[in-house]
């Protein structure tokens, strides 16, 4: 799982947002608090996804629940 997180972080740093989103959204990471938090940030900031406070909050709550 750590390898997937590393890949997603690298993609995000390279501004390959679609790839980062794909990895963080994968079934393997749906209970990982870091992945869920990062997806929430992307929604909050509108990075690679349309800006949505509602979706951001949903992912932040999931991240908290999985921790």
Foldseek 3Di string as FASTA:
>chain_A
DVVLVVVLVVCVVVLVNVSNLCSLVDPVNQLALVSLQVVLVCLCVVRVHRNDNVSSVVSNVSSVVSD
